Amino acid sequence: MLTKPNKTFNHKHLLELQSLTKEDIELILETAKPFKTVFTRSIKKLPTLRGKSVVLLFYEPSTRTRTSFELAAKRLSADTVSIAVQVSSVQKGESLIDTAKTLESMKADFIVIRHSHSGSPHILAQNVSSSIINAGDGFHEHPTQGLLDIFTIKQKKGKIQGLKVVIVGDILHSRVARSNLWGLTKLSAKVILCGPPTLIPKDIDKIFPQIYIEYNLDKAIKNADVINILRVQFERQLEHLFPSVREYSLLYGMNKERLKNAKSDVLILHPGPMNRGIEITTEVADSLNSVINEQVTNGIAVRMAVLYLLSLNQNL
């Protein structure tokens, strides 16, 4: 049986890591641990959210996050509904709020939303009584991805405080990077951002004064404990923010030669989907240092923890 956590999680929604405290983040990570053990059972299901309904409202394509949330909800015995926005009333001009209010009228307990516009989950949280979970909004945040990345690191390294974590790639447009930055800095990791100067947000070190910026990947990964590699977003190439994909791969791609020069126990993370041969080679992605597949598994446990903790506060 799942025991109620000793600490209190006073949140009805999960919109971002920026507004969570260190204690909030640690509670989610601790709560995820027993949920991961469910995967080893013959019956991978708990009755925790029986009678609750979880609606997946994705305005952008997703495989990992959508499936992970659906599996997390089902393993907690919740009912799930996935809205295909491409064939829904959205295509007839229905607004985001009207769509959410319709789902609220159908007694949706949770609405998990991914949207191309930053702040969309916050708007829903202000307008409906359902618990809102941000599955990625524009360039703002992807909180559960940040949490599962941190959970994976802590499971492997035993701690976060003091670890040297390098985040490589398009920081400018990455909601994954922002959630990782908020979470890791709150837990006192040493974070280094690395990428082309055009893809590092201007003045980001004023928002996060404790981070470091390094434009040379070989220097950045020296003595690193973790390297989190972001996907090359080909749509950004239209903005000419880096000369070519080939040059990006040469300067910022993680390959076996670079891996040899890193610490022998360095962890390689990637939020997926991967562009093999560009930001990461197959040799690195499939190496013993890689925990990319484990990130996917851990994502289910973390999202189970989030659903469970939010369910305790739905009367707020």
C-alpha atoms as a PDB file:
ATOM      1  CA  MET A   1       0.000   0.000   0.000  1.00  0.00           C
ATOM      2  CA  LEU A   2       1.144   3.543  -0.750  1.00  0.00           C
ATOM      3  CA  THR A   3       1.659   5.636   2.365  1.00  0.00           C
ATOM      4  CA  LYS A   4       0.797   9.335   2.431  1.00  0.00           C
ATOM      5  CA  PRO A   5       3.949  11.508   2.371  1.00  0.00           C
ATOM      6  CA  ASN A   6       5.070  13.060   5.650  1.00  0.00           C
ATOM      7  CA  LYS A   7       5.687  16.416   3.970  1.00  0.00           C
ATOM      8  CA  THR A   8       2.961  18.561   2.415  1.00  0.00           C
ATOM      9  CA  PHE A   9       2.730  19.397  -1.280  1.00  0.00           C
ATOM     10  CA  ASN A  10       0.493  22.471  -1.308  1.00  0.00           C
ATOM     11  CA  HIS A  11      -0.115  22.713  -5.034  1.00  0.00           C
ATOM     12  CA  LYS A  12      -3.216  21.941  -7.075  1.00  0.00           C
ATOM     13  CA  HIS A  13      -1.401  22.364 -10.414  1.00  0.00           C
ATOM     14  CA  LEU A  14       2.063  21.679 -11.825  1.00  0.00           C
ATOM     15  CA  LEU A  15       2.768  24.578 -14.154  1.00  0.00           C
ATOM     16  CA  GLU A  16       6.518  25.076 -13.809  1.00  0.00           C
ATOM     17  CA  LEU A  17       9.544  24.333 -11.643  1.00  0.00           C
ATOM     18  CA  GLN A  18      10.297  28.026 -11.242  1.00  0.00           C
ATOM     19  CA  SER A  19       7.542  28.436  -8.641  1.00  0.00           C
ATOM     20  CA  LEU A  20       8.354  25.238  -6.720  1.00  0.00           C
ATOM     21  CA  THR A  21      10.592  25.225  -3.678  1.00  0.00           C
ATOM     22  CA  LYS A  22      13.575  22.956  -3.195  1.00  0.00           C
ATOM     23  CA  GLU A  23      11.441  20.989  -0.727  1.00  0.00           C
ATOM     24  CA  ASP A  24       8.626  20.607  -3.287  1.00  0.00           C
ATOM     25  CA  ILE A  25      11.039  19.175  -5.859  1.00  0.00           C
ATOM     26  CA  GLU A  26      12.640  16.830  -3.351  1.00  0.00           C
ATOM     27  CA  LEU A  27       9.195  15.581  -2.284  1.00  0.00           C
ATOM     28  CA  ILE A  28       8.272  14.717  -5.879  1.00  0.00           C
ATOM     29  CA  LEU A  29      11.570  12.873  -6.338  1.00  0.00           C
ATOM     30  CA  GLU A  30      11.115  10.912  -3.112  1.00  0.00           C
ATOM     31  CA  THR A  31       7.503  10.082  -3.965  1.00  0.00           C
ATOM     32  CA  ALA A  32       8.573   8.748  -7.374  1.00  0.00           C
ATOM     33  CA  LYS A  33      10.880   6.117  -5.821  1.00  0.00           C
ATOM     34  CA  PRO A  34       8.198   3.669  -4.624  1.00  0.00           C
ATOM     35  CA  PHE A  35       6.229   4.164  -7.831  1.00  0.00           C
ATOM     36  CA  LYS A  36       9.214   2.906  -9.820  1.00  0.00           C
ATOM     37  CA  THR A  37       9.114  -0.365  -7.887  1.00  0.00           C
ATOM     38  CA  VAL A  38       5.623  -0.966  -9.282  1.00  0.00           C
ATOM     39  CA  PHE A  39       7.257  -1.725 -12.645  1.00  0.00           C
ATOM     40  CA  THR A  40       8.838  -4.891 -11.231  1.00  0.00           C
ATOM     41  CA  ARG A  41       5.506  -6.362 -10.095  1.00  0.00           C
ATOM     42  CA  SER A  42       3.494  -8.861 -12.104  1.00  0.00           C
ATOM     43  CA  ILE A  43       0.485  -6.526 -11.879  1.00  0.00           C
ATOM     44  CA  LYS A  44       1.789  -3.035 -12.602  1.00  0.00           C
ATOM     45  CA  LYS A  45      -1.191  -1.206 -11.170  1.00  0.00           C
ATOM     46  CA  LEU A  46      -2.282   0.614  -8.003  1.00  0.00           C
ATOM     47  CA  PRO A  47      -5.825   1.700  -7.045  1.00  0.00           C
ATOM     48  CA  THR A  48      -4.625   5.164  -5.992  1.00  0.00           C
ATOM     49  CA  LEU A  49      -6.602   7.240  -8.535  1.00  0.00           C
ATOM     50  CA  ARG A  50      -9.508   4.887  -9.134  1.00  0.00           C
ATOM     51  CA  GLY A  51     -12.518   6.959 -10.181  1.00  0.00           C
ATOM     52  CA  LYS A  52     -10.376   9.923 -11.297  1.00  0.00           C
ATOM     53  CA  SER A  53     -10.153  11.037 -14.931  1.00  0.00           C
ATOM     54  CA  VAL A  54      -7.081  12.354 -16.754  1.00  0.00           C
ATOM     55  CA  VAL A  55      -7.491  14.175 -20.080  1.00  0.00           C
ATOM     56  CA  LEU A  56      -4.489  14.505 -22.398  1.00  0.00           C
ATOM     57  CA  LEU A  57      -4.885  17.725 -24.383  1.00  0.00           C
ATOM     58  CA  PHE A  58      -1.932  17.987 -26.768  1.00  0.00           C
ATOM     59  CA  TYR A  59      -1.840  20.809 -29.316  1.00  0.00           C
ATOM     60  CA  GLU A  60       1.634  19.714 -30.456  1.00  0.00           C
ATOM     61  CA  PRO A  61       2.929  16.297 -31.553  1.00  0.00           C
ATOM     62  CA  SER A  62       4.227  14.021 -28.816  1.00  0.00           C
ATOM     63  CA  THR A  63       5.047  10.349 -28.391  1.00  0.00           C
ATOM     64  CA  ARG A  64       7.091  10.015 -25.201  1.00  0.00           C
ATOM     65  CA  THR A  65       5.366  12.564 -22.996  1.00  0.00           C
ATOM     66  CA  ARG A  66       1.811  11.691 -24.031  1.00  0.00           C
ATOM     67  CA  THR A  67       2.361   7.930 -23.705  1.00  0.00           C
ATOM     68  CA  SER A  68       4.230   8.374 -20.428  1.00  0.00           C
ATOM     69  CA  PHE A  69       1.386  10.377 -18.877  1.00  0.00           C
ATOM     70  CA  GLU A  70      -1.184   7.892 -20.149  1.00  0.00           C
ATOM     71  CA  LEU A  71       0.702   4.937 -18.694  1.00  0.00           C
ATOM     72  CA  ALA A  72       1.263   6.803 -15.414  1.00  0.00           C
ATOM     73  CA  ALA A  73      -2.461   7.525 -15.089  1.00  0.00           C
ATOM     74  CA  LYS A  74      -3.493   3.980 -15.989  1.00  0.00           C
ATOM     75  CA  ARG A  75      -1.027   2.450 -13.526  1.00  0.00           C
ATOM     76  CA  LEU A  76      -2.759   4.529 -10.863  1.00  0.00           C
ATOM     77  CA  SER A  77      -6.130   3.163 -12.101  1.00  0.00           C
ATOM     78  CA  ALA A  78      -7.349   6.512 -13.453  1.00  0.00           C
ATOM     79  CA  ASP A  79      -9.510   6.747 -16.570  1.00  0.00           C
ATOM     80  CA  THR A  80      -7.739   8.455 -19.466  1.00  0.00           C
ATOM     81  CA  VAL A  81      -9.007  10.328 -22.495  1.00  0.00           C
ATOM     82  CA  SER A  82      -6.743  11.566 -25.264  1.00  0.00           C
ATOM     83  CA  ILE A  83      -7.985  14.522 -27.309  1.00  0.00           C
ATOM     84  CA  ALA A  84      -6.924  14.519 -30.955  1.00  0.00           C
ATOM     85  CA  VAL A  85      -6.803  18.286 -31.453  1.00  0.00           C
ATOM     86  CA  GLN A  86      -6.428  17.890 -35.218  1.00  0.00           C
ATOM     87  CA  VAL A  87      -9.956  16.446 -35.471  1.00  0.00           C
ATOM     88  CA  SER A  88     -11.560  18.237 -32.518  1.00  0.00           C
ATOM     89  CA  SER A  89     -13.699  21.370 -32.256  1.00  0.00           C
ATOM     90  CA  VAL A  90     -10.457  23.358 -32.063  1.00  0.00           C
ATOM     91  CA  GLN A  91     -10.371  23.087 -35.839  1.00  0.00           C
ATOM     92  CA  LYS A  92     -13.759  24.825 -35.900  1.00  0.00           C
ATOM     93  CA  GLY A  93     -12.377  27.787 -33.995  1.00  0.00           C
ATOM     94  CA  GLU A  94     -13.086  26.762 -30.405  1.00  0.00           C
ATOM     95  CA  SER A  95     -10.883  28.659 -27.937  1.00  0.00           C
ATOM     96  CA  LEU A  96      -8.498  27.044 -25.494  1.00  0.00           C
ATOM     97  CA  ILE A  97     -10.571  28.149 -22.506  1.00  0.00           C
ATOM     98  CA  ASP A  98     -13.824  26.912 -24.051  1.00  0.00           C
ATOM     99  CA  THR A  99     -12.231  23.546 -24.768  1.00  0.00           C
ATOM    100  CA  ALA A 100     -11.000  23.301 -21.186  1.00  0.00           C
ATOM    101  CA  LYS A 101     -14.374  24.355 -19.763  1.00  0.00           C
ATOM    102  CA  THR A 102     -16.034  21.633 -21.834  1.00  0.00           C
ATOM    103  CA  LEU A 103     -13.643  19.089 -20.324  1.00  0.00           C
ATOM    104  CA  GLU A 104     -14.302  20.540 -16.866  1.00  0.00           C
ATOM    105  CA  SER A 105     -18.052  20.074 -17.445  1.00  0.00           C
ATOM    106  CA  MET A 106     -17.317  16.423 -18.182  1.00  0.00           C
ATOM    107  CA  LYS A 107     -15.737  16.256 -14.695  1.00  0.00           C
ATOM    108  CA  ALA A 108     -12.116  15.922 -15.799  1.00  0.00           C
ATOM    109  CA  ASP A 109     -10.011  15.779 -12.644  1.00  0.00           C
ATOM    110  CA  PHE A 110      -6.728  16.450 -14.450  1.00  0.00           C
ATOM    111  CA  ILE A 111      -5.969  18.163 -17.739  1.00  0.00           C
ATOM    112  CA  VAL A 112      -2.470  17.506 -19.064  1.00  0.00           C
ATOM    113  CA  ILE A 113      -1.757  20.140 -21.708  1.00  0.00           C
ATOM    114  CA  ARG A 114       0.961  20.689 -24.272  1.00  0.00           C
ATOM    115  CA  HIS A 115       0.683  23.917 -26.245  1.00  0.00           C
ATOM    116  CA  SER A 116       2.863  25.986 -28.553  1.00  0.00           C
ATOM    117  CA  HIS A 117       2.078  29.204 -26.661  1.00  0.00           C
ATOM    118  CA  SER A 118       3.940  29.914 -23.433  1.00  0.00           C
ATOM    119  CA  GLY A 119       1.612  30.453 -20.498  1.00  0.00           C
ATOM    120  CA  SER A 120      -1.289  28.364 -21.827  1.00  0.00           C
ATOM    121  CA  PRO A 121      -1.367  26.039 -18.772  1.00  0.00           C
ATOM    122  CA  HIS A 122      -1.418  29.088 -16.466  1.00  0.00           C
ATOM    123  CA  ILE A 123      -4.464  30.459 -18.297  1.00  0.00           C
ATOM    124  CA  LEU A 124      -6.303  27.168 -17.820  1.00  0.00           C
ATOM    125  CA  ALA A 125      -5.375  27.028 -14.129  1.00  0.00           C
ATOM    126  CA  GLN A 126      -7.028  30.432 -13.679  1.00  0.00           C
ATOM    127  CA  ASN A 127     -10.212  29.465 -15.490  1.00  0.00           C
ATOM    128  CA  VAL A 128     -11.108  25.848 -14.630  1.00  0.00           C
ATOM    129  CA  SER A 129     -11.329  23.797 -11.441  1.00  0.00           C
ATOM    130  CA  SER A 130      -9.479  20.763 -12.850  1.00  0.00           C
ATOM    131  CA  SER A 131      -5.840  20.241 -11.872  1.00  0.00           C
ATOM    132  CA  ILE A 132      -3.619  21.420 -14.736  1.00  0.00           C
ATOM    133  CA  ILE A 133      -0.303  19.766 -15.569  1.00  0.00           C
ATOM    134  CA  ASN A 134       2.046  21.462 -18.004  1.00  0.00           C
ATOM    135  CA  ALA A 135       3.412  18.962 -20.545  1.00  0.00           C
ATOM    136  CA  GLY A 136       5.367  21.695 -22.330  1.00  0.00           C
ATOM    137  CA  ASP A 137       4.314  25.237 -23.214  1.00  0.00           C
ATOM    138  CA  GLY A 138       6.101  27.130 -25.949  1.00  0.00           C
ATOM    139  CA  PHE A 139       9.640  28.065 -24.935  1.00  0.00           C
ATOM    140  CA  HIS A 140       8.654  28.360 -21.273  1.00  0.00           C
ATOM    141  CA  GLU A 141       8.960  25.067 -19.369  1.00  0.00           C
ATOM    142  CA  HIS A 142       8.498  21.306 -19.473  1.00  0.00           C
ATOM    143  CA  PRO A 143       8.435  20.600 -15.729  1.00  0.00           C
ATOM    144  CA  THR A 144       7.966  16.827 -15.712  1.00  0.00           C
ATOM    145  CA  GLN A 145      10.851  16.406 -18.170  1.00  0.00           C
ATOM    146  CA  GLY A 146      13.047  18.455 -15.860  1.00  0.00           C
ATOM    147  CA  LEU A 147      11.921  16.359 -12.897  1.00  0.00           C
ATOM    148  CA  LEU A 148      12.565  13.035 -14.614  1.00  0.00           C
ATOM    149  CA  ASP A 149      16.011  14.202 -15.723  1.00  0.00           C
ATOM    150  CA  ILE A 150      16.883  15.176 -12.156  1.00  0.00           C
ATOM    151  CA  PHE A 151      15.357  11.957 -10.793  1.00  0.00           C
ATOM    152  CA  THR A 152      17.525   9.925 -13.200  1.00  0.00           C
ATOM    153  CA  ILE A 153      20.675  11.786 -12.175  1.00  0.00           C
ATOM    154  CA  LYS A 154      19.942  11.340  -8.484  1.00  0.00           C
ATOM    155  CA  GLN A 155      19.177   7.620  -8.922  1.00  0.00           C
ATOM    156  CA  LYS A 156      22.554   7.132 -10.616  1.00  0.00           C
ATOM    157  CA  LYS A 157      24.743   9.556  -8.668  1.00  0.00           C
ATOM    158  CA  GLY A 158      23.007   9.497  -5.288  1.00  0.00           C
ATOM    159  CA  LYS A 159      22.856  13.281  -5.076  1.00  0.00           C
ATOM    160  CA  ILE A 160      22.421  16.499  -7.044  1.00  0.00           C
ATOM    161  CA  GLN A 161      24.239  19.022  -4.876  1.00  0.00           C
ATOM    162  CA  GLY A 162      27.725  19.788  -6.159  1.00  0.00           C
ATOM    163  CA  LEU A 163      27.439  17.786  -9.387  1.00  0.00           C
ATOM    164  CA  LYS A 164      28.746  19.388 -12.568  1.00  0.00           C
ATOM    165  CA  VAL A 165      25.929  19.218 -15.118  1.00  0.00           C
ATOM    166  CA  VAL A 166      26.489  20.399 -18.692  1.00  0.00           C
ATOM    167  CA  ILE A 167      23.435  21.243 -20.830  1.00  0.00           C
ATOM    168  CA  VAL A 168      24.390  21.317 -24.511  1.00  0.00           C
ATOM    169  CA  GLY A 169      22.530  22.720 -27.498  1.00  0.00           C
ATOM    170  CA  ASP A 170      19.707  25.132 -28.282  1.00  0.00           C
ATOM    171  CA  ILE A 171      19.175  26.675 -24.859  1.00  0.00           C
ATOM    172  CA  LEU A 172      17.400  29.676 -26.385  1.00  0.00           C
ATOM    173  CA  HIS A 173      14.308  27.773 -27.515  1.00  0.00           C
ATOM    174  CA  SER A 174      14.394  24.850 -25.071  1.00  0.00           C
ATOM    175  CA  ARG A 175      11.655  24.500 -22.445  1.00  0.00           C
ATOM    176  CA  VAL A 176      13.478  21.356 -21.268  1.00  0.00           C
ATOM    177  CA  ALA A 177      16.597  23.404 -20.546  1.00  0.00           C
ATOM    178  CA  ARG A 178      14.625  25.986 -18.561  1.00  0.00           C
ATOM    179  CA  SER A 179      12.984  23.379 -16.337  1.00  0.00           C
ATOM    180  CA  ASN A 180      16.338  21.684 -15.796  1.00  0.00           C
ATOM    181  CA  LEU A 181      17.908  25.023 -14.914  1.00  0.00           C
ATOM    182  CA  TRP A 182      15.288  25.842 -12.289  1.00  0.00           C
ATOM    183  CA  GLY A 183      15.375  22.367 -10.777  1.00  0.00           C
ATOM    184  CA  LEU A 184      19.123  21.831 -10.790  1.00  0.00           C
ATOM    185  CA  THR A 185      19.994  25.264  -9.415  1.00  0.00           C
ATOM    186  CA  LYS A 186      17.421  24.943  -6.618  1.00  0.00           C
ATOM    187  CA  LEU A 187      19.122  21.656  -5.679  1.00  0.00           C
ATOM    188  CA  SER A 188      22.588  23.285  -5.785  1.00  0.00           C
ATOM    189  CA  ALA A 189      24.101  21.601  -8.843  1.00  0.00           C
ATOM    190  CA  LYS A 190      26.860  23.357 -10.773  1.00  0.00           C
ATOM    191  CA  VAL A 191      25.296  23.994 -14.199  1.00  0.00           C
ATOM    192  CA  ILE A 192      27.231  24.830 -17.357  1.00  0.00           C
ATOM    193  CA  LEU A 193      25.399  25.901 -20.524  1.00  0.00           C
ATOM    194  CA  CYS A 194      27.147  25.148 -23.801  1.00  0.00           C
ATOM    195  CA  GLY A 195      26.136  25.921 -27.371  1.00  0.00           C
ATOM    196  CA  PRO A 196      26.571  28.425 -30.185  1.00  0.00           C
ATOM    197  CA  PRO A 197      26.452  32.029 -28.895  1.00  0.00           C
ATOM    198  CA  THR A 198      23.311  32.624 -30.967  1.00  0.00           C
ATOM    199  CA  LEU A 199      21.524  29.813 -29.074  1.00  0.00           C
ATOM    200  CA  ILE A 200      22.418  30.951 -25.551  1.00  0.00           C
ATOM    201  CA  PRO A 201      19.814  33.424 -24.202  1.00  0.00           C
ATOM    202  CA  LYS A 202      21.177  36.901 -23.645  1.00  0.00           C
ATOM    203  CA  ASP A 203      21.568  37.789 -19.964  1.00  0.00           C
ATOM    204  CA  ILE A 204      20.498  34.304 -18.797  1.00  0.00           C
ATOM    205  CA  ASP A 205      23.265  34.495 -16.229  1.00  0.00           C
ATOM    206  CA  LYS A 206      21.399  37.418 -14.650  1.00  0.00           C
ATOM    207  CA  ILE A 207      18.388  35.154 -14.084  1.00  0.00           C
ATOM    208  CA  PHE A 208      20.641  32.311 -12.929  1.00  0.00           C
ATOM    209  CA  PRO A 209      23.740  34.029 -11.498  1.00  0.00           C
ATOM    210  CA  GLN A 210      25.127  30.702 -10.256  1.00  0.00           C
ATOM    211  CA  ILE A 211      25.464  29.121 -13.725  1.00  0.00           C
ATOM    212  CA  TYR A 212      28.427  29.135 -16.101  1.00  0.00           C
ATOM    213  CA  ILE A 213      28.472  29.641 -19.862  1.00  0.00           C
ATOM    214  CA  GLU A 214      31.037  27.937 -22.090  1.00  0.00           C
ATOM    215  CA  TYR A 215      30.999  27.992 -25.890  1.00  0.00           C
ATOM    216  CA  ASN A 216      33.631  25.269 -26.312  1.00  0.00           C
ATOM    217  CA  LEU A 217      32.136  21.811 -25.744  1.00  0.00           C
ATOM    218  CA  ASP A 218      35.471  20.097 -25.096  1.00  0.00           C
ATOM    219  CA  LYS A 219      36.184  22.546 -22.272  1.00  0.00           C
ATOM    220  CA  ALA A 220      32.627  22.349 -20.930  1.00  0.00           C
ATOM    221  CA  ILE A 221      32.571  18.575 -20.513  1.00  0.00           C
ATOM    222  CA  LYS A 222      35.932  18.362 -18.757  1.00  0.00           C
ATOM    223  CA  ASN A 223      35.268  16.743 -15.349  1.00  0.00           C
ATOM    224  CA  ALA A 224      31.508  16.859 -15.968  1.00  0.00           C
ATOM    225  CA  ASP A 225      29.357  14.400 -14.023  1.00  0.00           C
ATOM    226  CA  VAL A 226      26.388  14.731 -16.392  1.00  0.00           C
ATOM    227  CA  ILE A 227      25.969  15.825 -20.002  1.00  0.00           C
ATOM    228  CA  ASN A 228      22.376  16.579 -21.020  1.00  0.00           C
ATOM    229  CA  ILE A 229      22.192  16.867 -24.802  1.00  0.00           C
ATOM    230  CA  LEU A 230      19.315  18.809 -26.353  1.00  0.00           C
ATOM    231  CA  ARG A 231      17.725  18.028 -29.696  1.00  0.00           C
ATOM    232  CA  VAL A 232      18.757  20.123 -32.680  1.00  0.00           C
ATOM    233  CA  GLN A 233      15.549  21.866 -33.682  1.00  0.00           C
ATOM    234  CA  PHE A 234      15.758  21.930 -37.460  1.00  0.00           C
ATOM    235  CA  GLU A 235      12.952  24.470 -37.643  1.00  0.00           C
ATOM    236  CA  ARG A 236      15.326  26.960 -36.008  1.00  0.00           C
ATOM    237  CA  GLN A 237      17.793  26.540 -38.869  1.00  0.00           C
ATOM    238  CA  LEU A 238      15.380  28.642 -40.931  1.00  0.00           C
ATOM    239  CA  GLU A 239      16.322  31.523 -38.646  1.00  0.00           C
ATOM    240  CA  HIS A 240      20.023  31.002 -39.556  1.00  0.00           C
ATOM    241  CA  LEU A 241      21.041  30.782 -35.894  1.00  0.00           C
ATOM    242  CA  PHE A 242      23.931  28.458 -36.768  1.00  0.00           C
ATOM    243  CA  PRO A 243      25.791  28.164 -40.105  1.00  0.00           C
ATOM    244  CA  SER A 244      24.942  24.534 -40.948  1.00  0.00           C
ATOM    245  CA  VAL A 245      23.897  21.246 -39.386  1.00  0.00           C
ATOM    246  CA  ARG A 246      27.294  19.794 -40.336  1.00  0.00           C
ATOM    247  CA  GLU A 247      29.189  22.556 -38.550  1.00  0.00           C
ATOM    248  CA  TYR A 248      26.931  22.250 -35.515  1.00  0.00           C
ATOM    249  CA  SER A 249      27.657  18.527 -35.370  1.00  0.00           C
ATOM    250  CA  LEU A 250      31.403  19.121 -35.577  1.00  0.00           C
ATOM    251  CA  LEU A 251      31.428  21.731 -32.823  1.00  0.00           C
ATOM    252  CA  TYR A 252      28.658  20.545 -30.504  1.00  0.00           C
ATOM    253  CA  GLY A 253      27.913  16.933 -31.404  1.00  0.00           C
ATOM    254  CA  MET A 254      28.654  14.358 -28.712  1.00  0.00           C
ATOM    255  CA  ASN A 255      30.743  11.597 -30.282  1.00  0.00           C
ATOM    256  CA  LYS A 256      32.909   8.742 -29.001  1.00  0.00           C
ATOM    257  CA  GLU A 257      36.101  10.823 -29.215  1.00  0.00           C
ATOM    258  CA  ARG A 258      34.635  13.468 -26.922  1.00  0.00           C
ATOM    259  CA  LEU A 259      33.219  10.784 -24.643  1.00  0.00           C
ATOM    260  CA  LYS A 260      36.724   9.309 -24.227  1.00  0.00           C
ATOM    261  CA  ASN A 261      37.929  12.693 -22.953  1.00  0.00           C
ATOM    262  CA  ALA A 262      35.126  12.943 -20.386  1.00  0.00           C
ATOM    263  CA  LYS A 263      35.016  11.221 -16.991  1.00  0.00           C
ATOM    264  CA  SER A 264      34.620   7.469 -17.271  1.00  0.00           C
ATOM    265  CA  ASP A 265      31.392   7.540 -15.251  1.00  0.00           C
ATOM    266  CA  VAL A 266      29.810  10.586 -16.906  1.00  0.00           C
ATOM    267  CA  LEU A 267      26.061  10.250 -17.510  1.00  0.00           C
ATOM    268  CA  ILE A 268      24.659  10.988 -20.960  1.00  0.00           C
ATOM    269  CA  LEU A 269      21.067  12.251 -21.040  1.00  0.00           C
ATOM    270  CA  HIS A 270      18.809  13.268 -23.927  1.00  0.00           C
ATOM    271  CA  PRO A 271      15.112  14.226 -23.706  1.00  0.00           C
ATOM    272  CA  GLY A 272      14.358  12.693 -27.107  1.00  0.00           C
ATOM    273  CA  PRO A 273      13.654  12.337 -29.884  1.00  0.00           C
ATOM    274  CA  MET A 274      17.305  12.046 -30.886  1.00  0.00           C
ATOM    275  CA  ASN A 275      18.857  13.163 -34.154  1.00  0.00           C
ATOM    276  CA  ARG A 276      21.469  10.425 -34.318  1.00  0.00           C
ATOM    277  CA  GLY A 277      24.622  11.520 -36.063  1.00  0.00           C
ATOM    278  CA  ILE A 278      23.954  15.204 -35.412  1.00  0.00           C
ATOM    279  CA  GLU A 279      23.797  16.187 -31.737  1.00  0.00           C
ATOM    280  CA  ILE A 280      24.687  12.660 -30.628  1.00  0.00           C
ATOM    281  CA  THR A 281      26.245   9.663 -32.364  1.00  0.00           C
ATOM    282  CA  THR A 282      24.888   6.137 -32.132  1.00  0.00           C
ATOM    283  CA  GLU A 283      28.031   5.020 -30.267  1.00  0.00           C
ATOM    284  CA  VAL A 284      27.337   7.544 -27.498  1.00  0.00           C
ATOM    285  CA  ALA A 285      23.564   7.069 -27.433  1.00  0.00           C
ATOM    286  CA  ASP A 286      23.992   3.313 -26.981  1.00  0.00           C
ATOM    287  CA  SER A 287      27.037   3.453 -24.721  1.00  0.00           C
ATOM    288  CA  LEU A 288      27.217   2.297 -21.103  1.00  0.00           C
ATOM    289  CA  ASN A 289      27.263   5.958 -20.069  1.00  0.00           C
ATOM    290  CA  SER A 290      23.879   6.577 -21.655  1.00  0.00           C
ATOM    291  CA  VAL A 291      20.788   6.607 -19.425  1.00  0.00           C
ATOM    292  CA  ILE A 292      18.440   7.744 -22.187  1.00  0.00           C
ATOM    293  CA  ASN A 293      16.197   4.675 -22.052  1.00  0.00           C
ATOM    294  CA  GLU A 294      16.151   4.835 -18.263  1.00  0.00           C
ATOM    295  CA  GLN A 295      14.945   8.438 -18.519  1.00  0.00           C
ATOM    296  CA  VAL A 296      11.873   7.153 -20.349  1.00  0.00           C
ATOM    297  CA  THR A 297      11.164   4.564 -17.647  1.00  0.00           C
ATOM    298  CA  ASN A 298      11.719   7.096 -14.886  1.00  0.00           C
ATOM    299  CA  GLY A 299       9.355   9.499 -16.608  1.00  0.00           C
ATOM    300  CA  ILE A 300       6.412   7.212 -15.825  1.00  0.00           C
ATOM    301  CA  ALA A 301       7.341   7.020 -12.125  1.00  0.00           C
ATOM    302  CA  VAL A 302       7.787  10.786 -11.854  1.00  0.00           C
ATOM    303  CA  ARG A 303       4.462  11.476 -13.560  1.00  0.00           C
ATOM    304  CA  MET A 304       2.758   8.957 -11.279  1.00  0.00           C
ATOM    305  CA  ALA A 305       4.185  10.895  -8.344  1.00  0.00           C
ATOM    306  CA  VAL A 306       2.963  14.212  -9.746  1.00  0.00           C
ATOM    307  CA  LEU A 307      -0.564  12.900 -10.335  1.00  0.00           C
ATOM    308  CA  TYR A 308      -0.686  11.385  -6.864  1.00  0.00           C
ATOM    309  CA  LEU A 309       0.579  14.492  -5.042  1.00  0.00           C
ATOM    310  CA  LEU A 310      -1.761  16.794  -6.954  1.00  0.00           C
ATOM    311  CA  SER A 311      -4.708  14.511  -6.191  1.00  0.00           C
ATOM    312  CA  LEU A 312      -4.176  15.198  -2.488  1.00  0.00           C
ATOM    313  CA  ASN A 313      -4.838  18.918  -3.086  1.00  0.00           C
ATOM    314  CA  GLN A 314      -7.713  19.000  -5.541  1.00  0.00           C
ATOM    315  CA  ASN A 315      -9.958  20.742  -3.035  1.00  0.00           C
ATOM    316  CA  LEU A 316      -7.605  23.729  -2.779  1.00  0.00           C
END
